[in-house]
Amino acid sequence: TTAGAQGGFEAAGLVPDVLPSFDPIAVLDISYPSINGSNFLVRMNENMSVPSIGPAPQIFLSFNRSVVPHLADETFTLITVDPDAPTPQNTSISDVLHLLIANVRVTGHLDTFAPLSNTTALAPYLSPTPPVGSDPHRYTWMLFVQPRGFVEAATPLIPADRISFNFTTFRKATGLGSPVAGTFFRSG
């Protein structure tokens, strides 16, 4: 639920570590391929093994079409950051940018587990690799309504090594508002 996502972000300290506030209007789900060929949904705050989150996941959006009908027609930006690099106790190189996709759209006519399609990977999926012995990191996924001119504003702000990505500055410089949905998992 959106209330569960909001409470999860707050309980995990992602508010204020990543966002000043979080009031989602939709639910973001992540599905990774499993060894046996099927997929599995990641539960918010779940501790995932590094091998299980290696390949790029599928992303889904659930929303109440009668309450927020405009979401089906929006263009989104999807961002994943690790605010705990190199360790949760020493965040000297955070945020690490793990994914930045622009021009994301809801595909099909579903409003529950509606697949998201993407056309512009500004920073393709970078598998989480927390250092051996580190406490679990919080891999934070956020979906934003994409402002006009986002790709042009965002491209020069993406560090080539993806390290020390200042998400707060990036968000302000590119005009991203509050995320409409988000989730996170831990790995370490």
N, C-alpha and C. Protein backbone atom coordinates (compact mmCIF):
# COMPACT_ATOMS: atom_id res chain seq x y z
N THR A 1 0.83 -1.19 0.00
CA THR A 1 0.00 0.00 0.00
C THR A 1 0.88 1.25 0.00
N THR A 2 0.29 2.37 -0.35
CA THR A 2 1.05 3.63 -0.32
C THR A 2 1.40 4.00 1.12
N ALA A 3 0.48 3.74 2.06
CA ALA A 3 0.78 4.04 3.46
C ALA A 3 1.91 3.16 3.97
N GLY A 4 1.94 1.90 3.53
CA GLY A 4 3.03 1.01 3.92
C GLY A 4 4.37 1.46 3.37
N ALA A 5 4.36 1.95 2.13
CA ALA A 5 5.60 2.45 1.53
C ALA A 5 6.09 3.69 2.27
N GLN A 6 5.17 4.59 2.57
CA GLN A 6 5.54 5.80 3.30
C GLN A 6 6.13 5.43 4.66
N GLY A 7 5.46 4.57 5.39
CA GLY A 7 5.94 4.15 6.71
C GLY A 7 7.27 3.41 6.62
N GLY A 8 7.44 2.59 5.57
CA GLY A 8 8.69 1.86 5.39
C GLY A 8 9.86 2.78 5.15
N PHE A 9 9.67 3.80 4.33
CA PHE A 9 10.74 4.78 4.06
C PHE A 9 11.11 5.53 5.34
N GLU A 10 10.10 5.90 6.10
CA GLU A 10 10.37 6.64 7.33
C GLU A 10 11.06 5.76 8.37
N ALA A 11 10.59 4.53 8.55
CA ALA A 11 11.17 3.62 9.55
C ALA A 11 12.62 3.26 9.21
N ALA A 12 12.94 3.18 7.92
CA ALA A 12 14.30 2.83 7.49
C ALA A 12 15.23 4.03 7.45
N GLY A 13 14.71 5.22 7.76
CA GLY A 13 15.54 6.42 7.75
C GLY A 13 15.79 6.99 6.36
N LEU A 14 15.09 6.48 5.35
CA LEU A 14 15.25 7.04 4.00
C LEU A 14 14.68 8.45 3.94
N VAL A 15 13.72 8.72 4.82
CA VAL A 15 13.29 10.08 5.12
C VAL A 15 13.91 10.37 6.48
N PRO A 16 14.93 11.16 6.57
CA PRO A 16 15.41 12.19 5.66
C PRO A 16 16.70 11.86 4.91
N ASP A 17 17.26 10.64 5.02
CA ASP A 17 18.56 10.36 4.41
C ASP A 17 18.58 10.55 2.89
N VAL A 18 17.47 10.21 2.21
CA VAL A 18 17.41 10.32 0.75
C VAL A 18 16.42 11.39 0.32
N LEU A 19 15.28 11.44 0.98
CA LEU A 19 14.21 12.38 0.63
C LEU A 19 13.80 13.18 1.85
N PRO A 20 13.41 14.45 1.68
CA PRO A 20 12.94 15.22 2.83
C PRO A 20 11.58 14.73 3.33
N SER A 21 10.78 14.16 2.43
CA SER A 21 9.49 13.59 2.79
C SER A 21 9.10 12.60 1.70
N PHE A 22 8.12 11.76 2.00
CA PHE A 22 7.68 10.75 1.03
C PHE A 22 6.20 10.51 1.24
N ASP A 23 5.40 10.86 0.25
CA ASP A 23 3.95 10.70 0.33
C ASP A 23 3.47 10.11 -1.00
N PRO A 24 3.70 8.80 -1.21
CA PRO A 24 3.42 8.19 -2.51
C PRO A 24 1.93 8.12 -2.83
N ILE A 25 1.63 8.12 -4.13
CA ILE A 25 0.26 7.95 -4.59
C ILE A 25 0.09 6.66 -5.39
N ALA A 26 1.15 5.87 -5.48
CA ALA A 26 1.14 4.60 -6.20
C ALA A 26 2.15 3.67 -5.53
N VAL A 27 2.10 2.40 -5.93
CA VAL A 27 3.00 1.39 -5.35
C VAL A 27 3.93 0.89 -6.45
N LEU A 28 5.22 0.87 -6.15
CA LEU A 28 6.25 0.41 -7.08
C LEU A 28 6.68 -0.99 -6.67
N ASP A 29 6.68 -1.93 -7.62
CA ASP A 29 7.11 -3.29 -7.35
C ASP A 29 8.27 -3.65 -8.26
N ILE A 30 9.19 -4.45 -7.72
CA ILE A 30 10.38 -4.91 -8.43
C ILE A 30 10.31 -6.42 -8.51
N SER A 31 10.57 -6.98 -9.69
CA SER A 31 10.55 -8.42 -9.89
C SER A 31 11.86 -8.84 -10.55
N TYR A 32 12.61 -9.69 -9.86
CA TYR A 32 13.88 -10.20 -10.39
C TYR A 32 13.70 -11.61 -10.93
N PRO A 33 14.45 -11.97 -11.98
CA PRO A 33 14.42 -13.35 -12.45
C PRO A 33 15.10 -14.27 -11.43
N SER A 34 14.55 -15.46 -11.25
CA SER A 34 15.16 -16.40 -10.31
C SER A 34 15.93 -17.47 -11.08
N ILE A 35 16.64 -18.28 -10.34
CA ILE A 35 17.48 -19.31 -10.95
C ILE A 35 16.66 -20.30 -11.78
N ASN A 36 15.44 -20.61 -11.32
CA ASN A 36 14.63 -21.61 -12.01
C ASN A 36 13.86 -21.06 -13.20
N GLY A 37 14.09 -19.80 -13.55
CA GLY A 37 13.46 -19.23 -14.73
C GLY A 37 12.20 -18.43 -14.46
N SER A 38 11.66 -18.52 -13.27
CA SER A 38 10.48 -17.71 -12.93
C SER A 38 10.97 -16.38 -12.33
N ASN A 39 10.05 -15.54 -11.94
CA ASN A 39 10.41 -14.27 -11.32
C ASN A 39 9.91 -14.24 -9.89
N PHE A 40 10.51 -13.39 -9.07
CA PHE A 40 10.03 -13.20 -7.71
C PHE A 40 9.95 -11.72 -7.40
N LEU A 41 8.89 -11.35 -6.68
CA LEU A 41 8.70 -9.97 -6.25
C LEU A 41 9.52 -9.71 -5.00
N VAL A 42 10.14 -8.56 -4.95
CA VAL A 42 10.90 -8.15 -3.78
C VAL A 42 9.96 -7.42 -2.82
N ARG A 43 9.96 -7.83 -1.57
CA ARG A 43 9.17 -7.13 -0.56
C ARG A 43 9.99 -5.96 -0.02
N MET A 44 9.30 -4.86 0.27
CA MET A 44 9.97 -3.69 0.81
C MET A 44 10.74 -4.07 2.08
N ASN A 45 11.97 -3.58 2.17
CA ASN A 45 12.86 -3.78 3.32
C ASN A 45 13.40 -5.20 3.42
N GLU A 46 13.16 -6.03 2.40
CA GLU A 46 13.66 -7.40 2.40
C GLU A 46 15.17 -7.38 2.23
N ASN A 47 15.86 -8.30 2.92
CA ASN A 47 17.31 -8.43 2.78
C ASN A 47 17.59 -9.44 1.67
N MET A 48 18.18 -8.97 0.58
CA MET A 48 18.40 -9.78 -0.61
C MET A 48 19.87 -10.19 -0.72
N SER A 49 20.09 -11.41 -1.21
CA SER A 49 21.46 -11.84 -1.47
C SER A 49 21.96 -11.14 -2.73
N VAL A 50 23.25 -10.87 -2.78
CA VAL A 50 23.82 -10.17 -3.94
C VAL A 50 23.57 -10.94 -5.24
N PRO A 51 23.76 -12.28 -5.29
CA PRO A 51 23.50 -12.97 -6.56
C PRO A 51 22.05 -12.85 -7.04
N SER A 52 21.10 -12.78 -6.12
CA SER A 52 19.69 -12.74 -6.54
C SER A 52 19.29 -11.41 -7.17
N ILE A 53 20.07 -10.36 -6.96
CA ILE A 53 19.74 -9.04 -7.50
C ILE A 53 20.74 -8.60 -8.57
N GLY A 54 21.43 -9.57 -9.16
CA GLY A 54 22.41 -9.26 -10.19
C GLY A 54 21.81 -8.80 -11.51
N PRO A 55 20.86 -9.57 -12.05
CA PRO A 55 20.29 -9.14 -13.33
C PRO A 55 19.30 -7.99 -13.16
N ALA A 56 19.10 -7.24 -14.22
CA ALA A 56 18.15 -6.13 -14.16
C ALA A 56 16.73 -6.65 -13.92
N PRO A 57 15.99 -5.99 -13.05
CA PRO A 57 14.63 -6.45 -12.75
C PRO A 57 13.59 -5.85 -13.69
N GLN A 58 12.37 -6.36 -13.58
CA GLN A 58 11.21 -5.75 -14.20
C GLN A 58 10.57 -4.86 -13.14
N ILE A 59 9.96 -3.77 -13.58
CA ILE A 59 9.36 -2.81 -12.66
C ILE A 59 7.87 -2.70 -12.99
N PHE A 60 7.05 -2.64 -11.93
CA PHE A 60 5.60 -2.56 -12.07
C PHE A 60 5.06 -1.44 -11.20
N LEU A 61 3.94 -0.87 -11.64
CA LEU A 61 3.29 0.20 -10.90
C LEU A 61 1.84 -0.19 -10.65
N SER A 62 1.39 -0.01 -9.42
CA SER A 62 -0.01 -0.22 -9.06
C SER A 62 -0.57 1.10 -8.55
N PHE A 63 -1.76 1.45 -9.03
CA PHE A 63 -2.37 2.71 -8.61
C PHE A 63 -3.88 2.60 -8.78
N ASN A 64 -4.59 3.46 -8.10
CA ASN A 64 -6.04 3.50 -8.17
C ASN A 64 -6.44 4.46 -9.29
N ARG A 65 -6.85 3.90 -10.41
CA ARG A 65 -7.15 4.71 -11.60
C ARG A 65 -8.27 5.72 -11.35
N SER A 66 -9.18 5.41 -10.44
CA SER A 66 -10.28 6.36 -10.17
C SER A 66 -9.81 7.53 -9.31
N VAL A 67 -8.71 7.35 -8.56
CA VAL A 67 -8.18 8.42 -7.71
C VAL A 67 -7.10 9.22 -8.44
N VAL A 68 -6.22 8.55 -9.14
CA VAL A 68 -5.12 9.21 -9.87
C VAL A 68 -5.10 8.73 -11.33
N PRO A 69 -6.15 9.05 -12.09
CA PRO A 69 -6.23 8.54 -13.47
C PRO A 69 -5.11 9.04 -14.38
N HIS A 70 -4.53 10.19 -14.06
CA HIS A 70 -3.49 10.77 -14.91
C HIS A 70 -2.21 9.94 -14.93
N LEU A 71 -1.99 9.08 -13.94
CA LEU A 71 -0.73 8.32 -13.91
C LEU A 71 -0.57 7.42 -15.13
N ALA A 72 -1.67 6.93 -15.67
CA ALA A 72 -1.59 6.05 -16.83
C ALA A 72 -1.01 6.77 -18.05
N ASP A 73 -1.09 8.09 -18.07
CA ASP A 73 -0.65 8.86 -19.23
C ASP A 73 0.65 9.64 -19.00
N GLU A 74 1.21 9.54 -17.82
CA GLU A 74 2.42 10.30 -17.49
C GLU A 74 3.68 9.66 -18.08
N THR A 75 4.70 10.46 -18.19
CA THR A 75 6.05 9.99 -18.48
C THR A 75 6.83 10.13 -17.18
N PHE A 76 7.59 9.09 -16.84
CA PHE A 76 8.28 9.03 -15.55
C PHE A 76 9.78 8.93 -15.71
N THR A 77 10.45 9.18 -14.60
CA THR A 77 11.88 8.93 -14.44
C THR A 77 12.02 7.95 -13.27
N LEU A 78 12.81 6.92 -13.46
CA LEU A 78 13.07 5.93 -12.42
C LEU A 78 14.53 6.05 -11.98
N ILE A 79 14.74 6.20 -10.67
CA ILE A 79 16.09 6.37 -10.14
C ILE A 79 16.29 5.39 -8.99
N THR A 80 17.45 4.75 -8.97
CA THR A 80 17.84 3.88 -7.87
C THR A 80 19.18 4.37 -7.32
N VAL A 81 19.22 4.59 -6.00
CA VAL A 81 20.46 5.02 -5.35
C VAL A 81 20.75 4.15 -4.13
N ASP A 82 22.02 4.11 -3.78
CA ASP A 82 22.48 3.48 -2.54
C ASP A 82 23.02 4.60 -1.67
N PRO A 83 22.30 4.94 -0.59
CA PRO A 83 22.78 6.01 0.28
C PRO A 83 23.77 5.55 1.34
N ASP A 84 24.19 4.29 1.28
CA ASP A 84 25.00 3.68 2.35
C ASP A 84 26.39 3.26 1.90
N ALA A 85 26.97 3.97 0.95
CA ALA A 85 28.28 3.57 0.42
C ALA A 85 29.41 4.39 1.05
N PRO A 86 30.50 3.76 1.39
CA PRO A 86 30.80 2.33 1.23
C PRO A 86 30.14 1.44 2.29
N THR A 87 29.79 2.00 3.45
CA THR A 87 29.06 1.23 4.47
C THR A 87 28.02 2.16 5.10
N PRO A 88 27.01 1.60 5.73
CA PRO A 88 26.04 2.46 6.41
C PRO A 88 26.66 3.34 7.50
N GLN A 89 27.78 2.90 8.07
CA GLN A 89 28.44 3.68 9.11
C GLN A 89 29.37 4.76 8.53
N ASN A 90 29.76 4.62 7.27
CA ASN A 90 30.65 5.56 6.60
C ASN A 90 30.09 5.81 5.20
N THR A 91 29.33 6.86 5.05
CA THR A 91 28.66 7.14 3.77
C THR A 91 29.45 8.14 2.92
N SER A 92 30.76 8.07 2.99
CA SER A 92 31.61 9.07 2.35
C SER A 92 31.55 9.09 0.82
N ILE A 93 31.10 8.01 0.20
CA ILE A 93 31.00 8.02 -1.27
C ILE A 93 29.56 7.84 -1.76
N SER A 94 28.61 8.07 -0.88
CA SER A 94 27.21 7.97 -1.32
C SER A 94 26.77 9.34 -1.84
N ASP A 95 25.78 9.32 -2.62
CA ASP A 95 24.97 8.22 -3.10
C ASP A 95 25.67 7.56 -4.27
N VAL A 96 25.46 6.25 -4.40
CA VAL A 96 25.88 5.56 -5.61
C VAL A 96 24.65 5.44 -6.49
N LEU A 97 24.79 5.84 -7.74
CA LEU A 97 23.69 5.78 -8.70
C LEU A 97 23.67 4.40 -9.34
N HIS A 98 22.61 3.65 -9.10
CA HIS A 98 22.50 2.29 -9.66
C HIS A 98 21.62 2.21 -10.89
N LEU A 99 20.76 3.20 -11.09
CA LEU A 99 19.89 3.18 -12.26
C LEU A 99 19.29 4.56 -12.45
N LEU A 100 19.24 5.00 -13.70
CA LEU A 100 18.55 6.24 -14.04
C LEU A 100 17.95 6.05 -15.43
N ILE A 101 16.63 5.94 -15.46
CA ILE A 101 15.93 5.73 -16.71
C ILE A 101 14.91 6.85 -16.90
N ALA A 102 14.94 7.45 -18.05
CA ALA A 102 13.98 8.50 -18.40
C ALA A 102 12.95 7.95 -19.38
N ASN A 103 11.89 8.71 -19.58
CA ASN A 103 10.85 8.37 -20.56
C ASN A 103 10.19 7.03 -20.27
N VAL A 104 9.95 6.75 -19.00
CA VAL A 104 9.30 5.52 -18.56
C VAL A 104 7.79 5.72 -18.67
N ARG A 105 7.10 4.70 -19.16
CA ARG A 105 5.65 4.77 -19.34
C ARG A 105 4.98 3.51 -18.80
N VAL A 106 3.73 3.67 -18.36
CA VAL A 106 2.89 2.53 -18.01
C VAL A 106 2.49 1.88 -19.33
N THR A 107 2.64 0.56 -19.44
CA THR A 107 2.22 -0.13 -20.66
C THR A 107 0.96 -0.93 -20.37
N GLY A 108 0.11 -1.03 -21.34
CA GLY A 108 -1.13 -1.78 -21.19
C GLY A 108 -2.19 -1.00 -20.46
N HIS A 109 -3.24 -1.70 -20.07
CA HIS A 109 -4.40 -1.06 -19.46
C HIS A 109 -4.58 -1.46 -18.00
N LEU A 110 -3.61 -2.10 -17.42
CA LEU A 110 -3.71 -2.52 -16.03
C LEU A 110 -3.46 -1.34 -15.10
N ASP A 111 -4.04 -1.39 -13.92
CA ASP A 111 -3.66 -0.44 -12.88
C ASP A 111 -3.16 -1.17 -11.65
N THR A 112 -3.05 -2.50 -11.74
CA THR A 112 -2.40 -3.31 -10.70
C THR A 112 -1.29 -4.09 -11.38
N PHE A 113 -0.09 -3.94 -10.91
CA PHE A 113 1.09 -4.55 -11.51
C PHE A 113 1.21 -4.19 -13.00
N ALA A 114 0.97 -2.93 -13.30
CA ALA A 114 1.13 -2.45 -14.68
C ALA A 114 2.61 -2.39 -15.01
N PRO A 115 3.05 -3.08 -16.05
CA PRO A 115 4.47 -3.04 -16.40
C PRO A 115 4.89 -1.64 -16.83
N LEU A 116 6.10 -1.28 -16.47
CA LEU A 116 6.67 -0.01 -16.91
C LEU A 116 7.67 -0.29 -18.02
N SER A 117 7.56 0.47 -19.09
CA SER A 117 8.51 0.34 -20.19
C SER A 117 9.43 1.54 -20.15
N ASN A 118 10.63 1.36 -20.66
CA ASN A 118 11.57 2.48 -20.66
C ASN A 118 12.22 2.58 -22.03
N THR A 119 12.60 3.78 -22.35
CA THR A 119 13.22 3.98 -23.65
C THR A 119 14.60 4.63 -23.56
N THR A 120 14.89 5.27 -22.43
CA THR A 120 16.13 6.04 -22.35
C THR A 120 16.87 5.73 -21.06
N ALA A 121 17.84 4.82 -21.12
CA ALA A 121 18.66 4.51 -19.95
C ALA A 121 19.82 5.50 -19.91
N LEU A 122 19.71 6.51 -19.06
CA LEU A 122 20.80 7.47 -18.91
C LEU A 122 21.94 6.87 -18.10
N ALA A 123 21.61 5.95 -17.19
CA ALA A 123 22.59 5.18 -16.42
C ALA A 123 22.01 3.79 -16.27
N PRO A 124 22.43 2.82 -17.12
CA PRO A 124 21.86 1.48 -17.08
C PRO A 124 22.06 0.81 -15.72
N TYR A 125 21.28 -0.23 -15.48
CA TYR A 125 21.29 -0.94 -14.20
C TYR A 125 22.70 -1.37 -13.82
N LEU A 126 23.09 -1.00 -12.62
CA LEU A 126 24.37 -1.39 -12.03
C LEU A 126 24.05 -2.28 -10.85
N SER A 127 24.42 -3.54 -10.93
CA SER A 127 24.09 -4.50 -9.87
C SER A 127 24.66 -4.05 -8.54
N PRO A 128 23.87 -4.20 -7.47
CA PRO A 128 24.39 -3.88 -6.14
C PRO A 128 25.55 -4.80 -5.76
N THR A 129 26.61 -4.21 -5.24
CA THR A 129 27.77 -4.98 -4.78
C THR A 129 28.32 -4.34 -3.51
N PRO A 130 27.59 -4.47 -2.40
CA PRO A 130 28.12 -3.91 -1.16
C PRO A 130 29.41 -4.62 -0.76
N PRO A 131 30.34 -3.92 -0.11
CA PRO A 131 31.60 -4.54 0.27
C PRO A 131 31.39 -5.74 1.21
N VAL A 132 32.23 -6.73 1.08
CA VAL A 132 32.17 -7.89 1.96
C VAL A 132 32.31 -7.42 3.41
N GLY A 133 31.44 -7.90 4.27
CA GLY A 133 31.48 -7.54 5.67
C GLY A 133 30.67 -6.31 6.03
N SER A 134 30.16 -5.60 5.03
CA SER A 134 29.37 -4.41 5.29
C SER A 134 28.01 -4.80 5.84
N ASP A 135 27.47 -3.95 6.71
CA ASP A 135 26.06 -4.10 7.08
C ASP A 135 25.24 -3.88 5.81
N PRO A 136 24.01 -4.38 5.78
CA PRO A 136 23.19 -4.22 4.57
C PRO A 136 22.97 -2.76 4.18
N HIS A 137 23.04 -2.53 2.87
CA HIS A 137 22.78 -1.22 2.29
C HIS A 137 21.31 -1.13 1.92
N ARG A 138 20.78 0.09 1.87
CA ARG A 138 19.39 0.34 1.47
C ARG A 138 19.37 0.78 0.00
N TYR A 139 18.97 -0.11 -0.89
CA TYR A 139 18.88 0.21 -2.31
C TYR A 139 17.49 0.79 -2.56
N THR A 140 17.46 2.07 -2.89
CA THR A 140 16.25 2.86 -2.88
C THR A 140 15.80 3.19 -4.31
N TRP A 141 14.59 2.76 -4.64
CA TRP A 141 14.00 2.92 -5.97
C TRP A 141 12.91 3.97 -5.88
N MET A 142 12.95 4.97 -6.77
CA MET A 142 11.98 6.06 -6.74
C MET A 142 11.50 6.37 -8.16
N LEU A 143 10.20 6.58 -8.28
CA LEU A 143 9.59 6.91 -9.56
C LEU A 143 9.02 8.33 -9.48
N PHE A 144 9.44 9.17 -10.41
CA PHE A 144 9.05 10.58 -10.45
C PHE A 144 8.32 10.89 -11.75
N VAL A 145 7.34 11.79 -11.70
CA VAL A 145 6.80 12.34 -12.93
C VAL A 145 7.94 13.15 -13.55
N GLN A 146 8.20 12.90 -14.83
CA GLN A 146 9.35 13.51 -15.50
C GLN A 146 9.02 14.92 -15.98
N PRO A 147 9.79 15.90 -15.53
CA PRO A 147 9.56 17.27 -16.01
C PRO A 147 10.06 17.46 -17.44
N ARG A 148 9.52 18.46 -18.09
CA ARG A 148 9.96 18.81 -19.44
C ARG A 148 11.44 19.18 -19.41
N GLY A 149 12.19 18.72 -20.39
CA GLY A 149 13.61 19.04 -20.49
C GLY A 149 14.50 18.24 -19.56
N PHE A 150 13.95 17.18 -18.95
CA PHE A 150 14.70 16.42 -17.96
C PHE A 150 15.97 15.79 -18.53
N VAL A 151 15.86 15.12 -19.66
CA VAL A 151 17.02 14.40 -20.21
C VAL A 151 18.17 15.36 -20.47
N GLU A 152 17.86 16.50 -21.04
CA GLU A 152 18.91 17.48 -21.33
C GLU A 152 19.55 18.02 -20.05
N ALA A 153 18.73 18.24 -19.02
CA ALA A 153 19.26 18.75 -17.75
C ALA A 153 20.04 17.68 -16.99
N ALA A 154 19.59 16.43 -17.07
CA ALA A 154 20.17 15.35 -16.27
C ALA A 154 21.49 14.82 -16.81
N THR A 155 21.59 14.71 -18.12
CA THR A 155 22.74 14.03 -18.73
C THR A 155 24.09 14.56 -18.25
N PRO A 156 24.35 15.85 -18.22
CA PRO A 156 25.67 16.30 -17.78
C PRO A 156 25.92 16.15 -16.27
N LEU A 157 24.90 15.82 -15.50
CA LEU A 157 25.04 15.71 -14.05
C LEU A 157 25.32 14.29 -13.56
N ILE A 158 25.39 13.34 -14.47
CA ILE A 158 25.59 11.94 -14.10
C ILE A 158 27.08 11.64 -14.05
N PRO A 159 27.61 11.30 -12.87
CA PRO A 159 29.04 10.99 -12.80
C PRO A 159 29.36 9.69 -13.52
N ALA A 160 30.44 9.67 -14.27
CA ALA A 160 30.81 8.48 -15.05
C ALA A 160 31.00 7.26 -14.16
N ASP A 161 31.54 7.46 -12.96
CA ASP A 161 31.78 6.31 -12.07
C ASP A 161 30.59 6.00 -11.17
N ARG A 162 29.54 6.85 -11.23
CA ARG A 162 28.30 6.69 -10.47
C ARG A 162 28.46 6.87 -8.96
N ILE A 163 29.66 7.20 -8.52
CA ILE A 163 29.95 7.35 -7.08
C ILE A 163 29.82 8.82 -6.70
N SER A 164 29.47 9.06 -5.45
CA SER A 164 29.30 10.42 -4.92
C SER A 164 28.28 11.21 -5.74
N PHE A 165 27.22 10.54 -6.14
CA PHE A 165 26.12 11.15 -6.87
C PHE A 165 25.26 11.89 -5.85
N ASN A 166 25.21 13.21 -5.96
CA ASN A 166 24.44 13.99 -5.00
C ASN A 166 22.99 14.04 -5.47
N PHE A 167 22.19 13.11 -4.96
CA PHE A 167 20.81 12.98 -5.40
C PHE A 167 20.01 14.24 -5.09
N THR A 168 20.22 14.84 -3.94
CA THR A 168 19.47 16.05 -3.57
C THR A 168 19.73 17.17 -4.55
N THR A 169 20.99 17.43 -4.87
CA THR A 169 21.34 18.46 -5.84
C THR A 169 20.80 18.12 -7.23
N PHE A 170 20.93 16.85 -7.62
CA PHE A 170 20.44 16.40 -8.92
C PHE A 170 18.94 16.63 -9.04
N ARG A 171 18.22 16.27 -8.00
CA ARG A 171 16.76 16.41 -8.01
C ARG A 171 16.35 17.87 -8.20
N LYS A 172 17.01 18.76 -7.49
CA LYS A 172 16.70 20.19 -7.63
C LYS A 172 17.08 20.72 -9.00
N ALA A 173 18.27 20.35 -9.49
CA ALA A 173 18.77 20.88 -10.76
C ALA A 173 17.95 20.41 -11.96
N THR A 174 17.32 19.24 -11.83
CA THR A 174 16.56 18.70 -12.96
C THR A 174 15.06 18.95 -12.84
N GLY A 175 14.62 19.51 -11.73
CA GLY A 175 13.21 19.83 -11.56
C GLY A 175 12.33 18.67 -11.15
N LEU A 176 12.94 17.59 -10.66
CA LEU A 176 12.13 16.47 -10.18
C LEU A 176 11.38 16.90 -8.93
N GLY A 177 10.11 16.58 -8.87
CA GLY A 177 9.31 16.89 -7.69
C GLY A 177 9.42 15.76 -6.68
N SER A 178 8.35 15.51 -5.99
CA SER A 178 8.31 14.39 -5.04
C SER A 178 8.02 13.10 -5.81
N PRO A 179 8.59 11.99 -5.36
CA PRO A 179 8.31 10.74 -6.07
C PRO A 179 6.84 10.33 -5.90
N VAL A 180 6.29 9.74 -6.95
CA VAL A 180 4.91 9.24 -6.88
C VAL A 180 4.86 7.83 -6.31
N ALA A 181 6.01 7.14 -6.34
CA ALA A 181 6.08 5.78 -5.81
C ALA A 181 7.53 5.46 -5.49
N GLY A 182 7.72 4.46 -4.64
CA GLY A 182 9.08 4.05 -4.31
C GLY A 182 9.07 2.76 -3.51
N THR A 183 10.21 2.14 -3.47
CA THR A 183 10.41 0.95 -2.65
C THR A 183 11.90 0.84 -2.37
N PHE A 184 12.26 -0.11 -1.54
CA PHE A 184 13.67 -0.35 -1.27
C PHE A 184 13.86 -1.77 -0.76
N PHE A 185 15.07 -2.25 -0.93
CA PHE A 185 15.46 -3.52 -0.31
C PHE A 185 16.85 -3.31 0.27
N ARG A 186 17.27 -4.27 1.05
CA ARG A 186 18.60 -4.23 1.64
C ARG A 186 19.45 -5.36 1.08
N SER A 187 20.74 -5.13 1.02
CA SER A 187 21.66 -6.19 0.64
C SER A 187 23.02 -5.87 1.26
N GLY A 188 23.66 -6.89 1.76
CA GLY A 188 24.97 -6.71 2.36
C GLY A 188 25.52 -7.99 2.89
